[in-house]
């Protein structure tokens, strides 16, 4: 499935929803190494962006999103509407990123 066929809205411009299939949901859990955590802890001393965690967060979000696309496609969907993300710290230094939405079948508006 093309990621252009996803939206946080409940309609996709130029298309109409002809069938709602299922809620698709995927979780990705990530952590940094102890060395990465020490480096990030040192960055918190001066404040600002914690650059050591940015790639980790981007990878976790992308993995959850791509897995969600695969789940929707396996259900026969050609689009996902209402895409949302959530994140929770499972334990100290371990975070889950959740991506979910409604897998739908859309067709172009005539």
N, C-alpha and C. Protein backbone atom coordinates (compact mmCIF):
# COMPACT_ATOMS: atom_id res chain seq x y z
N UNK A 1 0.85 -1.18 0.00
CA UNK A 1 0.00 0.00 0.00
C UNK A 1 0.89 1.24 0.00
N UNK A 2 0.50 2.20 -0.77
CA UNK A 2 1.21 3.47 -0.87
C UNK A 2 0.87 4.33 0.35
N UNK A 3 1.88 4.88 1.03
CA UNK A 3 1.60 5.69 2.21
C UNK A 3 0.84 6.98 1.89
N UNK A 4 0.75 7.35 0.61
CA UNK A 4 -0.08 8.49 0.21
C UNK A 4 -1.56 8.18 0.38
N UNK A 5 -1.88 6.91 0.53
CA UNK A 5 -3.28 6.50 0.72
C UNK A 5 -3.62 6.39 2.21
N UNK A 6 -2.95 7.19 3.01
CA UNK A 6 -3.25 7.26 4.44
C UNK A 6 -3.53 8.70 4.81
N UNK A 7 -4.34 8.88 5.82
CA UNK A 7 -4.66 10.23 6.28
C UNK A 7 -5.09 10.20 7.74
N UNK A 8 -4.85 11.31 8.42
CA UNK A 8 -5.34 11.45 9.79
C UNK A 8 -6.81 11.87 9.79
N UNK A 9 -7.29 12.31 8.64
CA UNK A 9 -8.70 12.68 8.51
C UNK A 9 -9.55 11.42 8.32
N UNK A 10 -10.85 11.59 8.23
CA UNK A 10 -11.74 10.45 8.05
C UNK A 10 -12.28 10.37 6.63
N UNK A 11 -11.64 11.12 5.73
CA UNK A 11 -11.93 11.01 4.31
C UNK A 11 -10.65 11.29 3.56
N UNK A 12 -10.53 10.74 2.38
CA UNK A 12 -9.35 10.90 1.55
C UNK A 12 -9.75 11.73 0.33
N UNK A 13 -9.21 12.93 0.18
CA UNK A 13 -9.62 13.80 -0.93
C UNK A 13 -9.51 13.10 -2.29
N UNK A 14 -10.59 13.19 -3.07
CA UNK A 14 -10.62 12.57 -4.39
C UNK A 14 -11.09 11.13 -4.38
N UNK A 15 -11.37 10.60 -3.20
CA UNK A 15 -11.82 9.21 -3.07
C UNK A 15 -13.04 9.16 -2.17
N UNK A 16 -13.80 8.09 -2.31
CA UNK A 16 -14.89 7.86 -1.36
C UNK A 16 -14.72 6.48 -0.76
N UNK A 17 -15.03 6.38 0.51
CA UNK A 17 -14.92 5.10 1.22
C UNK A 17 -16.11 4.24 0.80
N UNK A 18 -15.81 3.06 0.27
CA UNK A 18 -16.89 2.15 -0.12
C UNK A 18 -17.06 1.01 0.89
N UNK A 19 -16.04 0.81 1.72
CA UNK A 19 -16.16 -0.26 2.72
C UNK A 19 -15.15 -0.06 3.84
N UNK A 20 -15.64 -0.08 5.07
CA UNK A 20 -14.77 -0.12 6.25
C UNK A 20 -14.44 -1.57 6.52
N UNK A 21 -13.17 -1.87 6.74
CA UNK A 21 -12.78 -3.26 6.98
C UNK A 21 -12.55 -3.52 8.47
N UNK A 22 -11.41 -3.10 8.98
CA UNK A 22 -11.06 -3.35 10.38
C UNK A 22 -10.20 -2.21 10.90
N UNK A 23 -10.10 -2.14 12.21
CA UNK A 23 -9.12 -1.24 12.82
C UNK A 23 -7.78 -1.96 12.75
N UNK A 24 -6.80 -1.28 12.18
CA UNK A 24 -5.45 -1.85 12.12
C UNK A 24 -4.63 -1.20 13.21
N UNK A 25 -3.77 -1.99 13.82
CA UNK A 25 -3.05 -1.55 15.01
C UNK A 25 -1.71 -2.27 15.04
N UNK A 26 -0.64 -1.53 15.20
CA UNK A 26 0.68 -2.13 15.30
C UNK A 26 1.49 -1.38 16.35
N UNK A 27 2.30 -2.14 17.08
CA UNK A 27 3.14 -1.61 18.15
C UNK A 27 4.60 -1.90 17.83
N UNK A 28 5.46 -0.95 18.14
CA UNK A 28 6.90 -1.14 18.02
C UNK A 28 7.51 -0.72 19.35
N UNK A 29 8.34 -1.58 19.92
CA UNK A 29 8.96 -1.29 21.21
C UNK A 29 10.46 -1.15 20.99
N UNK A 30 11.03 -0.07 21.49
CA UNK A 30 12.45 0.22 21.28
C UNK A 30 13.12 0.68 22.57
N UNK A 31 14.43 0.49 22.61
CA UNK A 31 15.26 1.02 23.68
C UNK A 31 16.64 1.34 23.12
N UNK A 32 17.37 2.17 23.80
CA UNK A 32 18.77 2.46 23.44
C UNK A 32 19.68 1.58 24.28
N UNK A 33 20.91 1.47 23.84
CA UNK A 33 21.92 0.76 24.63
C UNK A 33 22.25 1.58 25.87
N UNK A 34 22.92 0.97 26.81
CA UNK A 34 23.31 1.67 28.03
C UNK A 34 24.22 2.85 27.70
N UNK A 35 25.08 2.68 26.69
CA UNK A 35 25.98 3.77 26.30
C UNK A 35 25.17 4.93 25.72
N UNK A 36 24.18 4.62 24.88
CA UNK A 36 23.31 5.66 24.32
C UNK A 36 22.53 6.37 25.40
N UNK A 37 22.07 5.62 26.41
CA UNK A 37 21.32 6.23 27.51
C UNK A 37 22.20 7.16 28.33
N UNK A 38 23.45 6.77 28.53
CA UNK A 38 24.38 7.64 29.28
C UNK A 38 24.62 8.93 28.50
N UNK A 39 24.84 8.79 27.18
CA UNK A 39 25.05 9.96 26.34
C UNK A 39 23.84 10.89 26.37
N UNK A 40 22.65 10.31 26.29
CA UNK A 40 21.43 11.12 26.32
C UNK A 40 21.25 11.78 27.68
N UNK A 41 21.60 11.07 28.75
CA UNK A 41 21.51 11.65 30.09
C UNK A 41 22.44 12.86 30.22
N UNK A 42 23.61 12.77 29.61
CA UNK A 42 24.54 13.91 29.63
C UNK A 42 23.96 15.08 28.85
N UNK A 43 23.27 14.80 27.75
CA UNK A 43 22.66 15.88 26.97
C UNK A 43 21.56 16.58 27.77
N UNK A 44 20.88 15.87 28.65
CA UNK A 44 19.82 16.52 29.44
C UNK A 44 20.38 17.55 30.41
N UNK A 45 21.67 17.43 30.73
CA UNK A 45 22.27 18.39 31.66
C UNK A 45 22.33 19.80 31.08
N UNK A 46 22.44 19.89 29.75
CA UNK A 46 22.51 21.22 29.12
C UNK A 46 21.17 21.63 28.52
N UNK A 47 20.21 20.72 28.47
CA UNK A 47 18.89 21.02 27.95
C UNK A 47 18.85 21.02 26.43
N UNK A 48 17.68 21.26 25.89
CA UNK A 48 17.50 21.29 24.44
C UNK A 48 17.13 19.92 23.89
N UNK A 49 17.31 19.78 22.59
CA UNK A 49 16.96 18.54 21.90
C UNK A 49 17.92 17.43 22.29
N UNK A 50 17.38 16.26 22.55
CA UNK A 50 18.20 15.09 22.86
C UNK A 50 18.45 14.35 21.54
N UNK A 51 19.51 14.74 20.86
CA UNK A 51 19.78 14.24 19.51
C UNK A 51 20.03 12.73 19.46
N UNK A 52 20.48 12.14 20.55
CA UNK A 52 20.72 10.69 20.55
C UNK A 52 19.43 9.89 20.48
N UNK A 53 18.31 10.49 20.90
CA UNK A 53 17.04 9.76 20.87
C UNK A 53 16.23 10.01 19.59
N UNK A 54 16.54 11.07 18.86
CA UNK A 54 15.75 11.41 17.67
C UNK A 54 15.71 10.27 16.65
N UNK A 55 16.85 9.69 16.25
CA UNK A 55 16.80 8.58 15.28
C UNK A 55 16.03 7.37 15.83
N UNK A 56 16.17 7.11 17.10
CA UNK A 56 15.45 5.99 17.72
C UNK A 56 13.94 6.19 17.62
N UNK A 57 13.49 7.41 17.92
CA UNK A 57 12.06 7.71 17.85
C UNK A 57 11.56 7.64 16.41
N UNK A 58 12.35 8.16 15.48
CA UNK A 58 11.96 8.12 14.07
C UNK A 58 11.85 6.67 13.57
N UNK A 59 12.79 5.82 13.97
CA UNK A 59 12.75 4.41 13.55
C UNK A 59 11.55 3.69 14.15
N UNK A 60 11.25 3.96 15.40
CA UNK A 60 10.11 3.32 16.06
C UNK A 60 8.80 3.73 15.40
N UNK A 61 8.65 5.02 15.10
CA UNK A 61 7.44 5.51 14.44
C UNK A 61 7.31 4.92 13.04
N UNK A 62 8.39 4.92 12.28
CA UNK A 62 8.35 4.38 10.92
C UNK A 62 8.04 2.89 10.92
N UNK A 63 8.62 2.15 11.86
CA UNK A 63 8.38 0.71 11.93
C UNK A 63 6.92 0.42 12.26
N UNK A 64 6.35 1.16 13.20
CA UNK A 64 4.94 0.96 13.56
C UNK A 64 4.03 1.32 12.38
N UNK A 65 4.33 2.43 11.69
CA UNK A 65 3.54 2.87 10.55
C UNK A 65 3.60 1.85 9.41
N UNK A 66 4.81 1.41 9.04
CA UNK A 66 4.96 0.45 7.95
C UNK A 66 4.29 -0.88 8.27
N UNK A 67 4.37 -1.31 9.50
CA UNK A 67 3.70 -2.54 9.93
C UNK A 67 2.18 -2.38 9.84
N UNK A 68 1.69 -1.20 10.17
CA UNK A 68 0.26 -0.90 10.08
C UNK A 68 -0.20 -0.96 8.62
N UNK A 69 0.61 -0.41 7.70
CA UNK A 69 0.30 -0.48 6.27
C UNK A 69 0.21 -1.94 5.81
N UNK A 70 1.17 -2.75 6.24
CA UNK A 70 1.17 -4.17 5.86
C UNK A 70 -0.06 -4.89 6.40
N UNK A 71 -0.44 -4.58 7.64
CA UNK A 71 -1.62 -5.20 8.24
C UNK A 71 -2.87 -4.84 7.45
N UNK A 72 -3.00 -3.56 7.08
CA UNK A 72 -4.17 -3.11 6.32
C UNK A 72 -4.21 -3.78 4.95
N UNK A 73 -3.08 -3.85 4.29
CA UNK A 73 -3.01 -4.48 2.98
C UNK A 73 -3.38 -5.97 3.06
N UNK A 74 -2.94 -6.63 4.11
CA UNK A 74 -3.28 -8.05 4.31
C UNK A 74 -4.78 -8.25 4.51
N UNK A 75 -5.47 -7.21 4.98
CA UNK A 75 -6.92 -7.28 5.18
C UNK A 75 -7.68 -6.92 3.91
N UNK A 76 -6.96 -6.56 2.85
CA UNK A 76 -7.59 -6.21 1.58
C UNK A 76 -7.85 -4.73 1.40
N UNK A 77 -7.32 -3.91 2.29
CA UNK A 77 -7.54 -2.46 2.21
C UNK A 77 -6.62 -1.82 1.17
N UNK A 78 -7.06 -0.68 0.66
CA UNK A 78 -6.19 0.10 -0.21
C UNK A 78 -5.95 1.50 0.37
N UNK A 79 -6.44 1.73 1.60
CA UNK A 79 -6.22 3.01 2.28
C UNK A 79 -6.44 2.82 3.79
N UNK A 80 -5.90 3.78 4.54
CA UNK A 80 -6.14 3.83 5.99
C UNK A 80 -6.56 5.25 6.32
N UNK A 81 -7.67 5.39 7.01
CA UNK A 81 -8.13 6.71 7.45
C UNK A 81 -8.05 6.79 8.97
N UNK A 82 -8.03 8.01 9.47
CA UNK A 82 -8.00 8.21 10.93
C UNK A 82 -6.72 7.71 11.57
N UNK A 83 -5.59 7.84 10.88
CA UNK A 83 -4.31 7.35 11.41
C UNK A 83 -3.93 8.16 12.65
N UNK A 84 -3.52 7.46 13.68
CA UNK A 84 -3.09 8.08 14.92
C UNK A 84 -1.85 7.37 15.45
N UNK A 85 -1.12 8.09 16.31
CA UNK A 85 0.03 7.53 17.02
C UNK A 85 -0.16 7.74 18.50
N UNK A 86 0.44 6.85 19.27
CA UNK A 86 0.48 7.01 20.71
C UNK A 86 1.81 6.43 21.17
N UNK A 87 2.33 6.90 22.27
CA UNK A 87 3.57 6.37 22.81
C UNK A 87 3.45 6.27 24.32
N UNK A 88 4.03 5.21 24.85
CA UNK A 88 3.99 4.97 26.29
C UNK A 88 5.33 4.42 26.73
N UNK A 89 5.80 4.89 27.86
CA UNK A 89 7.02 4.31 28.42
C UNK A 89 6.62 3.04 29.16
N UNK A 90 7.09 1.90 28.67
CA UNK A 90 6.75 0.60 29.25
C UNK A 90 7.50 0.40 30.55
N UNK A 91 8.77 0.76 30.53
CA UNK A 91 9.62 0.74 31.72
C UNK A 91 10.71 1.78 31.48
N UNK A 92 11.50 2.07 32.45
CA UNK A 92 12.53 3.10 32.32
C UNK A 92 13.42 2.80 31.11
N UNK A 93 13.38 3.70 30.13
CA UNK A 93 14.23 3.55 28.95
C UNK A 93 13.65 2.70 27.84
N UNK A 94 12.44 2.17 28.02
CA UNK A 94 11.80 1.33 27.00
C UNK A 94 10.45 1.97 26.65
N UNK A 95 10.29 2.29 25.37
CA UNK A 95 9.07 2.97 24.93
C UNK A 95 8.40 2.18 23.82
N UNK A 96 7.07 2.15 23.88
CA UNK A 96 6.30 1.56 22.79
C UNK A 96 5.69 2.68 21.98
N UNK A 97 5.67 2.50 20.67
CA UNK A 97 4.99 3.43 19.77
C UNK A 97 3.88 2.66 19.10
N UNK A 98 2.69 3.16 19.20
CA UNK A 98 1.49 2.53 18.65
C UNK A 98 1.01 3.35 17.46
N UNK A 99 0.72 2.67 16.35
CA UNK A 99 0.13 3.31 15.19
C UNK A 99 -1.17 2.57 14.89
N UNK A 100 -2.25 3.33 14.68
CA UNK A 100 -3.53 2.68 14.40
C UNK A 100 -4.39 3.55 13.50
N UNK A 101 -5.37 2.93 12.89
CA UNK A 101 -6.31 3.62 12.02
C UNK A 101 -7.35 2.63 11.52
N UNK A 102 -8.21 3.09 10.63
CA UNK A 102 -9.26 2.23 10.06
C UNK A 102 -8.87 1.85 8.64
N UNK A 103 -8.73 0.55 8.40
CA UNK A 103 -8.44 0.05 7.06
C UNK A 103 -9.72 0.09 6.25
N UNK A 104 -9.64 0.70 5.07
CA UNK A 104 -10.82 0.87 4.24
C UNK A 104 -10.51 0.55 2.78
N UNK A 105 -11.57 0.37 2.03
CA UNK A 105 -11.47 0.28 0.58
C UNK A 105 -12.05 1.57 0.04
N UNK A 106 -11.27 2.26 -0.79
CA UNK A 106 -11.73 3.50 -1.40
C UNK A 106 -11.71 3.36 -2.90
N UNK A 107 -12.51 4.20 -3.54
CA UNK A 107 -12.47 4.28 -5.00
C UNK A 107 -12.50 5.74 -5.40
N UNK A 108 -11.90 6.07 -6.54
CA UNK A 108 -11.88 7.46 -6.97
C UNK A 108 -13.30 7.99 -7.17
N UNK A 109 -13.46 9.27 -6.82
CA UNK A 109 -14.74 9.93 -7.05
C UNK A 109 -14.83 10.21 -8.56
N UNK A 110 -15.96 9.84 -9.13
CA UNK A 110 -16.13 10.03 -10.59
C UNK A 110 -16.43 11.44 -10.97
